[in-house]
Amino acid sequence: MDPKLIIPQTPAHIYYSNYTYSQIFSLVLLMVECCEDARKHHAAIYDKYLDKRYKRASQFAETEMKRGFQVLDVNTNTLAPYPSLYDDRSLWGQK
């Protein structure tokens, strides 16, 4: 995976979004699953974001998926500059 595509979540991200990485982790996994075969499962959305107005976002996502894009697990995200902000699963009753 291209290191420049990994953007660690900072306290500012958490403050302005009101979400931590562990809270959005399941949603991120769902979004990645949707991108695995976007042409087949979400053709209208794929076609819309293939347009130049959207900077060909569909094509970018498809290319990254083919290159082996992976989501970092909450407890193995060593790139986090503030690890305790990433792993707040105990606060939400998660294992």
PDB file of N, CA and C in Angstrom:
ATOM      1  N   MET A   1       0.848  -1.170   0.000  1.00  0.00           N
ATOM      2  CA  MET A   1       0.000   0.000   0.000  1.00  0.00           C
ATOM      3  C   MET A   1       0.896   1.236   0.000  1.00  0.00           C
ATOM      4  N   ASP A   2       0.510   2.210  -0.745  1.00  0.00           N
ATOM      5  CA  ASP A   2       1.252   3.452  -0.868  1.00  0.00           C
ATOM      6  C   ASP A   2       1.191   4.224   0.454  1.00  0.00           C
ATOM      7  N   PRO A   3       2.342   4.479   1.098  1.00  0.00           N
ATOM      8  CA  PRO A   3       2.330   5.167   2.396  1.00  0.00           C
ATOM      9  C   PRO A   3       1.673   6.544   2.365  1.00  0.00           C
ATOM     10  N   LYS A   4       1.704   7.214   1.231  1.00  0.00           N
ATOM     11  CA  LYS A   4       1.097   8.545   1.189  1.00  0.00           C
ATOM     12  C   LYS A   4      -0.433   8.490   1.224  1.00  0.00           C
ATOM     13  N   LEU A   5      -1.016   7.301   1.044  1.00  0.00           N
ATOM     14  CA  LEU A   5      -2.471   7.158   1.114  1.00  0.00           C
ATOM     15  C   LEU A   5      -2.951   6.922   2.540  1.00  0.00           C
ATOM     16  N   ILE A   6      -2.012   6.641   3.437  1.00  0.00           N
ATOM     17  CA  ILE A   6      -2.371   6.400   4.826  1.00  0.00           C
ATOM     18  C   ILE A   6      -2.289   7.731   5.559  1.00  0.00           C
ATOM     19  N   ILE A   7      -3.416   8.185   6.052  1.00  0.00           N
ATOM     20  CA  ILE A   7      -3.459   9.448   6.768  1.00  0.00           C
ATOM     21  C   ILE A   7      -3.860   9.151   8.200  1.00  0.00           C
ATOM     22  N   PRO A   8      -2.912   9.217   9.123  1.00  0.00           N
ATOM     23  CA  PRO A   8      -3.257   8.926  10.513  1.00  0.00           C
ATOM     24  C   PRO A   8      -4.295   9.902  11.045  1.00  0.00           C
ATOM     25  N   GLN A   9      -5.161   9.393  11.881  1.00  0.00           N
ATOM     26  CA  GLN A   9      -6.183  10.233  12.486  1.00  0.00           C
ATOM     27  C   GLN A   9      -5.548  10.986  13.650  1.00  0.00           C
ATOM     28  N   THR A  10      -5.698  12.275  13.655  1.00  0.00           N
ATOM     29  CA  THR A  10      -5.126  13.112  14.696  1.00  0.00           C
ATOM     30  C   THR A  10      -6.227  13.548  15.656  1.00  0.00           C
ATOM     31  N   PRO A  11      -5.850  14.156  16.767  1.00  0.00           N
ATOM     32  CA  PRO A  11      -6.886  14.685  17.664  1.00  0.00           C
ATOM     33  C   PRO A  11      -7.814  15.675  16.955  1.00  0.00           C
ATOM     34  N   ALA A  12      -7.301  16.411  15.965  1.00  0.00           N
ATOM     35  CA  ALA A  12      -8.156  17.353  15.225  1.00  0.00           C
ATOM     36  C   ALA A  12      -9.221  16.608  14.432  1.00  0.00           C
ATOM     37  N   HIS A  13      -8.847  15.469  13.801  1.00  0.00           N
ATOM     38  CA  HIS A  13      -9.833  14.666  13.069  1.00  0.00           C
ATOM     39  C   HIS A  13     -10.942  14.209  14.012  1.00  0.00           C
ATOM     40  N   ILE A  14     -10.540  13.737  15.165  1.00  0.00           N
ATOM     41  CA  ILE A  14     -11.509  13.243  16.135  1.00  0.00           C
ATOM     42  C   ILE A  14     -12.395  14.379  16.633  1.00  0.00           C
ATOM     43  N   TYR A  15     -11.793  15.510  16.918  1.00  0.00           N
ATOM     44  CA  TYR A  15     -12.545  16.651  17.441  1.00  0.00           C
ATOM     45  C   TYR A  15     -13.597  17.131  16.437  1.00  0.00           C
ATOM     46  N   TYR A  16     -13.197  17.337  15.191  1.00  0.00           N
ATOM     47  CA  TYR A  16     -14.126  17.909  14.210  1.00  0.00           C
ATOM     48  C   TYR A  16     -15.140  16.899  13.668  1.00  0.00           C
ATOM     49  N   SER A  17     -14.769  15.625  13.643  1.00  0.00           N
ATOM     50  CA  SER A  17     -15.724  14.621  13.148  1.00  0.00           C
ATOM     51  C   SER A  17     -16.579  14.045  14.263  1.00  0.00           C
ATOM     52  N   ASN A  18     -16.097  14.150  15.500  1.00  0.00           N
ATOM     53  CA  ASN A  18     -16.745  13.549  16.663  1.00  0.00           C
ATOM     54  C   ASN A  18     -16.757  12.029  16.607  1.00  0.00           C
ATOM     55  N   TYR A  19     -15.824  11.436  15.860  1.00  0.00           N
ATOM     56  CA  TYR A  19     -15.709   9.983  15.762  1.00  0.00           C
ATOM     57  C   TYR A  19     -14.248   9.584  15.872  1.00  0.00           C
ATOM     58  N   THR A  20     -14.014   8.442  16.498  1.00  0.00           N
ATOM     59  CA  THR A  20     -12.676   7.867  16.540  1.00  0.00           C
ATOM     60  C   THR A  20     -12.601   6.774  15.473  1.00  0.00           C
ATOM     61  N   TYR A  21     -11.384   6.330  15.197  1.00  0.00           N
ATOM     62  CA  TYR A  21     -11.176   5.294  14.192  1.00  0.00           C
ATOM     63  C   TYR A  21     -11.938   4.023  14.546  1.00  0.00           C
ATOM     64  N   SER A  22     -11.914   3.652  15.813  1.00  0.00           N
ATOM     65  CA  SER A  22     -12.606   2.414  16.194  1.00  0.00           C
ATOM     66  C   SER A  22     -14.118   2.532  16.020  1.00  0.00           C
ATOM     67  N   GLN A  23     -14.654   3.735  16.110  1.00  0.00           N
ATOM     68  CA  GLN A  23     -16.091   3.916  15.921  1.00  0.00           C
ATOM     69  C   GLN A  23     -16.492   3.797  14.448  1.00  0.00           C
ATOM     70  N   ILE A  24     -15.640   4.205  13.542  1.00  0.00           N
ATOM     71  CA  ILE A  24     -15.983   4.162  12.116  1.00  0.00           C
ATOM     72  C   ILE A  24     -15.395   2.949  11.411  1.00  0.00           C
ATOM     73  N   PHE A  25     -14.668   2.110  12.154  1.00  0.00           N
ATOM     74  CA  PHE A  25     -13.979   0.971  11.551  1.00  0.00           C
ATOM     75  C   PHE A  25     -14.928   0.057  10.772  1.00  0.00           C
ATOM     76  N   SER A  26     -16.070  -0.287  11.339  1.00  0.00           N
ATOM     77  CA  SER A  26     -17.035  -1.174  10.660  1.00  0.00           C
ATOM     78  C   SER A  26     -17.560  -0.545   9.376  1.00  0.00           C
ATOM     79  N   LEU A  27     -17.806   0.756   9.407  1.00  0.00           N
ATOM     80  CA  LEU A  27     -18.268   1.464   8.224  1.00  0.00           C
ATOM     81  C   LEU A  27     -17.195   1.462   7.137  1.00  0.00           C
ATOM     82  N   VAL A  28     -15.959   1.650   7.532  1.00  0.00           N
ATOM     83  CA  VAL A  28     -14.851   1.636   6.568  1.00  0.00           C
ATOM     84  C   VAL A  28     -14.772   0.276   5.892  1.00  0.00           C
ATOM     85  N   LEU A  29     -14.918  -0.790   6.667  1.00  0.00           N
ATOM     86  CA  LEU A  29     -14.895  -2.141   6.093  1.00  0.00           C
ATOM     87  C   LEU A  29     -16.029  -2.332   5.083  1.00  0.00           C
ATOM     88  N   LEU A  30     -17.202  -1.823   5.403  1.00  0.00           N
ATOM     89  CA  LEU A  30     -18.343  -1.915   4.493  1.00  0.00           C
ATOM     90  C   LEU A  30     -18.072  -1.148   3.201  1.00  0.00           C
ATOM     91  N   MET A  31     -17.494   0.031   3.312  1.00  0.00           N
ATOM     92  CA  MET A  31     -17.188   0.830   2.127  1.00  0.00           C
ATOM     93  C   MET A  31     -16.152   0.136   1.246  1.00  0.00           C
ATOM     94  N   VAL A  32     -15.157  -0.476   1.866  1.00  0.00           N
ATOM     95  CA  VAL A  32     -14.138  -1.202   1.099  1.00  0.00           C
ATOM     96  C   VAL A  32     -14.782  -2.384   0.388  1.00  0.00           C
ATOM     97  N   GLU A  33     -15.678  -3.073   1.069  1.00  0.00           N
ATOM     98  CA  GLU A  33     -16.386  -4.199   0.441  1.00  0.00           C
ATOM     99  C   GLU A  33     -17.179  -3.733  -0.778  1.00  0.00           C
ATOM    100  N   CYS A  34     -17.801  -2.576  -0.679  1.00  0.00           N
ATOM    101  CA  CYS A  34     -18.564  -2.028  -1.806  1.00  0.00           C
ATOM    102  C   CYS A  34     -17.649  -1.666  -2.976  1.00  0.00           C
ATOM    103  N   CYS A  35     -16.424  -1.313  -2.686  1.00  0.00           N
ATOM    104  CA  CYS A  35     -15.479  -0.914  -3.739  1.00  0.00           C
ATOM    105  C   CYS A  35     -14.819  -2.104  -4.427  1.00  0.00           C
ATOM    106  N   GLU A  36     -14.933  -3.294  -3.850  1.00  0.00           N
ATOM    107  CA  GLU A  36     -14.261  -4.458  -4.404  1.00  0.00           C
ATOM    108  C   GLU A  36     -14.707  -4.770  -5.824  1.00  0.00           C
ATOM    109  N   ASP A  37     -15.979  -4.631  -6.117  1.00  0.00           N
ATOM    110  CA  ASP A  37     -16.480  -4.829  -7.476  1.00  0.00           C
ATOM    111  C   ASP A  37     -17.544  -3.779  -7.763  1.00  0.00           C
ATOM    112  N   ALA A  38     -17.123  -2.529  -7.732  1.00  0.00           N
ATOM    113  CA  ALA A  38     -18.058  -1.401  -7.858  1.00  0.00           C
ATOM    114  C   ALA A  38     -18.763  -1.365  -9.209  1.00  0.00           C
ATOM    115  N   ARG A  39     -18.077  -1.747 -10.267  1.00  0.00           N
ATOM    116  CA  ARG A  39     -18.703  -1.727 -11.604  1.00  0.00           C
ATOM    117  C   ARG A  39     -19.940  -2.613 -11.654  1.00  0.00           C
ATOM    118  N   LYS A  40     -19.860  -3.738 -10.969  1.00  0.00           N
ATOM    119  CA  LYS A  40     -20.972  -4.698 -10.997  1.00  0.00           C
ATOM    120  C   LYS A  40     -22.078  -4.322 -10.009  1.00  0.00           C
ATOM    121  N   HIS A  41     -21.699  -4.002  -8.782  1.00  0.00           N
ATOM    122  CA  HIS A  41     -22.689  -3.808  -7.728  1.00  0.00           C
ATOM    123  C   HIS A  41     -23.227  -2.385  -7.615  1.00  0.00           C
ATOM    124  N   HIS A  42     -22.469  -1.424  -8.067  1.00  0.00           N
ATOM    125  CA  HIS A  42     -22.872  -0.026  -7.935  1.00  0.00           C
ATOM    126  C   HIS A  42     -22.558   0.722  -9.228  1.00  0.00           C
ATOM    127  N   ALA A  43     -23.063   0.230 -10.321  1.00  0.00           N
ATOM    128  CA  ALA A  43     -22.718   0.761 -11.636  1.00  0.00           C
ATOM    129  C   ALA A  43     -23.049   2.249 -11.795  1.00  0.00           C
ATOM    130  N   ALA A  44     -24.207   2.671 -11.319  1.00  0.00           N
ATOM    131  CA  ALA A  44     -24.599   4.079 -11.475  1.00  0.00           C
ATOM    132  C   ALA A  44     -23.655   5.002 -10.705  1.00  0.00           C
ATOM    133  N   ILE A  45     -23.303   4.600  -9.500  1.00  0.00           N
ATOM    134  CA  ILE A  45     -22.379   5.410  -8.698  1.00  0.00           C
ATOM    135  C   ILE A  45     -20.989   5.392  -9.333  1.00  0.00           C
ATOM    136  N   TYR A  46     -20.568   4.218  -9.784  1.00  0.00           N
ATOM    137  CA  TYR A  46     -19.265   4.105 -10.444  1.00  0.00           C
ATOM    138  C   TYR A  46     -19.207   5.036 -11.650  1.00  0.00           C
ATOM    139  N   ASP A  47     -20.233   5.000 -12.484  1.00  0.00           N
ATOM    140  CA  ASP A  47     -20.260   5.840 -13.692  1.00  0.00           C
ATOM    141  C   ASP A  47     -20.269   7.331 -13.344  1.00  0.00           C
ATOM    142  N   LYS A  48     -21.015   7.695 -12.323  1.00  0.00           N
ATOM    143  CA  LYS A  48     -21.082   9.103 -11.926  1.00  0.00           C
ATOM    144  C   LYS A  48     -19.700   9.622 -11.537  1.00  0.00           C
ATOM    145  N   TYR A  49     -18.987   8.878 -10.707  1.00  0.00           N
ATOM    146  CA  TYR A  49     -17.693   9.342 -10.213  1.00  0.00           C
ATOM    147  C   TYR A  49     -16.530   9.023 -11.152  1.00  0.00           C
ATOM    148  N   LEU A  50     -16.854   8.481 -12.307  1.00  0.00           N
ATOM    149  CA  LEU A  50     -15.851   8.289 -13.345  1.00  0.00           C
ATOM    150  C   LEU A  50     -15.684   9.566 -14.162  1.00  0.00           C
ATOM    151  N   ASP A  51     -16.617  10.488 -13.995  1.00  0.00           N
ATOM    152  CA  ASP A  51     -16.606  11.746 -14.729  1.00  0.00           C
ATOM    153  C   ASP A  51     -15.451  12.638 -14.276  1.00  0.00           C
ATOM    154  N   LYS A  52     -14.983  13.457 -15.196  1.00  0.00           N
ATOM    155  CA  LYS A  52     -13.883  14.377 -14.927  1.00  0.00           C
ATOM    156  C   LYS A  52     -14.215  15.355 -13.801  1.00  0.00           C
ATOM    157  N   ARG A  53     -15.500  15.728 -13.666  1.00  0.00           N
ATOM    158  CA  ARG A  53     -15.912  16.658 -12.600  1.00  0.00           C
ATOM    159  C   ARG A  53     -15.563  16.135 -11.218  1.00  0.00           C
ATOM    160  N   TYR A  54     -15.563  14.810 -11.077  1.00  0.00           N
ATOM    161  CA  TYR A  54     -15.266  14.173  -9.793  1.00  0.00           C
ATOM    162  C   TYR A  54     -13.857  13.591  -9.774  1.00  0.00           C
ATOM    163  N   LYS A  55     -13.018  14.098 -10.684  1.00  0.00           N
ATOM    164  CA  LYS A  55     -11.603  13.726 -10.763  1.00  0.00           C
ATOM    165  C   LYS A  55     -11.399  12.219 -10.906  1.00  0.00           C
ATOM    166  N   ARG A  56     -12.351  11.590 -11.575  1.00  0.00           N
ATOM    167  CA  ARG A  56     -12.282  10.153 -11.857  1.00  0.00           C
ATOM    168  C   ARG A  56     -12.031   9.328 -10.582  1.00  0.00           C
ATOM    169  N   ALA A  57     -12.757   9.678  -9.541  1.00  0.00           N
ATOM    170  CA  ALA A  57     -12.611   9.013  -8.241  1.00  0.00           C
ATOM    171  C   ALA A  57     -12.870   7.507  -8.338  1.00  0.00           C
ATOM    172  N   SER A  58     -13.810   7.108  -9.182  1.00  0.00           N
ATOM    173  CA  SER A  58     -14.105   5.677  -9.344  1.00  0.00           C
ATOM    174  C   SER A  58     -12.889   4.927  -9.853  1.00  0.00           C
ATOM    175  N   GLN A  59     -12.243   5.502 -10.821  1.00  0.00           N
ATOM    176  CA  GLN A  59     -11.067   4.860 -11.414  1.00  0.00           C
ATOM    177  C   GLN A  59      -9.932   4.767 -10.389  1.00  0.00           C
ATOM    178  N   PHE A  60      -9.755   5.825  -9.611  1.00  0.00           N
ATOM    179  CA  PHE A  60      -8.729   5.818  -8.570  1.00  0.00           C
ATOM    180  C   PHE A  60      -9.004   4.712  -7.548  1.00  0.00           C
ATOM    181  N   ALA A  61     -10.250   4.632  -7.071  1.00  0.00           N
ATOM    182  CA  ALA A  61     -10.615   3.615  -6.078  1.00  0.00           C
ATOM    183  C   ALA A  61     -10.433   2.208  -6.639  1.00  0.00           C
ATOM    184  N   GLU A  62     -10.836   2.018  -7.887  1.00  0.00           N
ATOM    185  CA  GLU A  62     -10.699   0.705  -8.519  1.00  0.00           C
ATOM    186  C   GLU A  62      -9.227   0.304  -8.631  1.00  0.00           C
ATOM    187  N   THR A  63      -8.391   1.243  -9.007  1.00  0.00           N
ATOM    188  CA  THR A  63      -6.957   0.976  -9.145  1.00  0.00           C
ATOM    189  C   THR A  63      -6.355   0.603  -7.789  1.00  0.00           C
ATOM    190  N   GLU A  64      -6.713   1.346  -6.755  1.00  0.00           N
ATOM    191  CA  GLU A  64      -6.181   1.061  -5.416  1.00  0.00           C
ATOM    192  C   GLU A  64      -6.642  -0.303  -4.911  1.00  0.00           C
ATOM    193  N   MET A  65      -7.876  -0.674  -5.201  1.00  0.00           N
ATOM    194  CA  MET A  65      -8.370  -1.989  -4.790  1.00  0.00           C
ATOM    195  C   MET A  65      -7.584  -3.093  -5.496  1.00  0.00           C
ATOM    196  N   LYS A  66      -7.298  -2.906  -6.782  1.00  0.00           N
ATOM    197  CA  LYS A  66      -6.530  -3.905  -7.534  1.00  0.00           C
ATOM    198  C   LYS A  66      -5.097  -3.999  -7.034  1.00  0.00           C
ATOM    199  N   ARG A  67      -4.581  -2.901  -6.502  1.00  0.00           N
ATOM    200  CA  ARG A  67      -3.217  -2.890  -5.971  1.00  0.00           C
ATOM    201  C   ARG A  67      -3.136  -3.500  -4.578  1.00  0.00           C
ATOM    202  N   GLY A  68      -4.279  -3.905  -4.032  1.00  0.00           N
ATOM    203  CA  GLY A  68      -4.290  -4.592  -2.748  1.00  0.00           C
ATOM    204  C   GLY A  68      -4.539  -3.709  -1.546  1.00  0.00           C
ATOM    205  N   PHE A  69      -5.364  -2.681  -1.716  1.00  0.00           N
ATOM    206  CA  PHE A  69      -5.686  -1.794  -0.601  1.00  0.00           C
ATOM    207  C   PHE A  69      -6.187  -2.596   0.590  1.00  0.00           C
ATOM    208  N   GLN A  70      -5.704  -2.276   1.780  1.00  0.00           N
ATOM    209  CA  GLN A  70      -6.139  -2.939   2.998  1.00  0.00           C
ATOM    210  C   GLN A  70      -6.432  -1.897   4.065  1.00  0.00           C
ATOM    211  N   VAL A  71      -7.397  -2.196   4.891  1.00  0.00           N
ATOM    212  CA  VAL A  71      -7.748  -1.330   6.006  1.00  0.00           C
ATOM    213  C   VAL A  71      -6.926  -1.766   7.209  1.00  0.00           C
ATOM    214  N   LEU A  72      -6.365  -0.798   7.914  1.00  0.00           N
ATOM    215  CA  LEU A  72      -5.606  -1.119   9.115  1.00  0.00           C
ATOM    216  C   LEU A  72      -6.559  -1.443  10.252  1.00  0.00           C
ATOM    217  N   ASP A  73      -6.279  -2.539  10.947  1.00  0.00           N
ATOM    218  CA  ASP A  73      -7.087  -2.920  12.090  1.00  0.00           C
ATOM    219  C   ASP A  73      -6.878  -1.907  13.207  1.00  0.00           C
ATOM    220  N   VAL A  74      -7.846  -1.763  14.052  1.00  0.00           N
ATOM    221  CA  VAL A  74      -7.778  -0.774  15.134  1.00  0.00           C
ATOM    222  C   VAL A  74      -6.566  -1.016  16.019  1.00  0.00           C
ATOM    223  N   ASN A  75      -6.375  -2.255  16.470  1.00  0.00           N
ATOM    224  CA  ASN A  75      -5.291  -2.515  17.419  1.00  0.00           C
ATOM    225  C   ASN A  75      -3.937  -2.736  16.765  1.00  0.00           C
ATOM    226  N   THR A  76      -3.853  -2.749  15.444  1.00  0.00           N
ATOM    227  CA  THR A  76      -2.561  -2.899  14.775  1.00  0.00           C
ATOM    228  C   THR A  76      -2.171  -1.644  14.016  1.00  0.00           C
ATOM    229  N   ASN A  77      -2.880  -0.569  14.219  1.00  0.00           N
ATOM    230  CA  ASN A  77      -2.589   0.675  13.518  1.00  0.00           C
ATOM    231  C   ASN A  77      -1.398   1.346  14.183  1.00  0.00           C
ATOM    232  N   THR A  78      -0.194   0.929  13.797  1.00  0.00           N
ATOM    233  CA  THR A  78       1.023   1.467  14.402  1.00  0.00           C
ATOM    234  C   THR A  78       1.375   2.831  13.841  1.00  0.00           C
ATOM    235  N   LEU A  79       0.688   3.258  12.797  1.00  0.00           N
ATOM    236  CA  LEU A  79       0.977   4.569  12.224  1.00  0.00           C
ATOM    237  C   LEU A  79       0.285   5.684  12.994  1.00  0.00           C
ATOM    238  N   ALA A  80      -0.560   5.313  13.915  1.00  0.00           N
ATOM    239  CA  ALA A  80      -1.291   6.323  14.672  1.00  0.00           C
ATOM    240  C   ALA A  80      -0.337   7.052  15.617  1.00  0.00           C
ATOM    241  N   PRO A  81      -0.252   8.359  15.498  1.00  0.00           N
ATOM    242  CA  PRO A  81       0.630   9.095  16.398  1.00  0.00           C
ATOM    243  C   PRO A  81       0.086   9.134  17.826  1.00  0.00           C
ATOM    244  N   TYR A  82      -1.197   8.865  17.989  1.00  0.00           N
ATOM    245  CA  TYR A  82      -1.846   8.866  19.295  1.00  0.00           C
ATOM    246  C   TYR A  82      -2.617   7.561  19.446  1.00  0.00           C
ATOM    247  N   PRO A  83      -1.912   6.442  19.708  1.00  0.00           N
ATOM    248  CA  PRO A  83      -2.568   5.133  19.708  1.00  0.00           C
ATOM    249  C   PRO A  83      -3.784   5.037  20.618  1.00  0.00           C
ATOM    250  N   SER A  84      -3.765   5.696  21.757  1.00  0.00           N
ATOM    251  CA  SER A  84      -4.899   5.580  22.676  1.00  0.00           C
ATOM    252  C   SER A  84      -6.178   6.176  22.089  1.00  0.00           C
ATOM    253  N   LEU A  85      -6.045   7.088  21.145  1.00  0.00           N
ATOM    254  CA  LEU A  85      -7.221   7.669  20.512  1.00  0.00           C
ATOM    255  C   LEU A  85      -7.855   6.697  19.518  1.00  0.00           C
ATOM    256  N   TYR A  86      -7.064   5.763  19.030  1.00  0.00           N
ATOM    257  CA  TYR A  86      -7.580   4.806  18.055  1.00  0.00           C
ATOM    258  C   TYR A  86      -8.337   3.679  18.711  1.00  0.00           C
ATOM    259  N   ASP A  87      -7.832   3.196  19.811  1.00  0.00           N
ATOM    260  CA  ASP A  87      -8.410   2.007  20.414  1.00  0.00           C
ATOM    261  C   ASP A  87      -9.245   2.374  21.633  1.00  0.00           C
ATOM    262  N   ASP A  88     -10.450   2.811  21.386  1.00  0.00           N
ATOM    263  CA  ASP A  88     -11.365   3.135  22.473  1.00  0.00           C
ATOM    264  C   ASP A  88     -12.499   2.111  22.538  1.00  0.00           C
ATOM    265  N   ARG A  89     -12.234   0.900  22.038  1.00  0.00           N
ATOM    266  CA  ARG A  89     -13.273  -0.130  21.978  1.00  0.00           C
ATOM    267  C   ARG A  89     -13.838  -0.463  23.355  1.00  0.00           C
ATOM    268  N   SER A  90     -13.007  -0.390  24.391  1.00  0.00           N
ATOM    269  CA  SER A  90     -13.490  -0.727  25.723  1.00  0.00           C
ATOM    270  C   SER A  90     -14.570   0.244  26.190  1.00  0.00           C
ATOM    271  N   LEU A  91     -14.506   1.488  25.721  1.00  0.00           N
ATOM    272  CA  LEU A  91     -15.527   2.480  26.078  1.00  0.00           C
ATOM    273  C   LEU A  91     -16.871   2.136  25.470  1.00  0.00           C
ATOM    274  N   TRP A  92     -16.853   1.425  24.342  1.00  0.00           N
ATOM    275  CA  TRP A  92     -18.093   1.123  23.617  1.00  0.00           C
ATOM    276  C   TRP A  92     -18.503  -0.340  23.793  1.00  0.00           C
ATOM    277  N   GLY A  93     -17.855  -1.047  24.691  1.00  0.00           N
ATOM    278  CA  GLY A  93     -18.223  -2.431  24.964  1.00  0.00           C
ATOM    279  C   GLY A  93     -17.855  -3.380  23.844  1.00  0.00           C
ATOM    280  N   GLN A  94     -16.828  -3.038  23.071  1.00  0.00           N
ATOM    281  CA  GLN A  94     -16.395  -3.896  21.965  1.00  0.00           C
ATOM    282  C   GLN A  94     -15.157  -4.660  22.385  1.00  0.00           C
ATOM    283  N   LYS A  95     -14.945  -5.816  21.752  1.00  0.00           N
ATOM    284  CA  LYS A  95     -13.747  -6.625  22.039  1.00  0.00           C
ATOM    285  C   LYS A  95     -12.674  -6.339  21.021  1.00  0.00           C
TER     286      LYS A  95
END
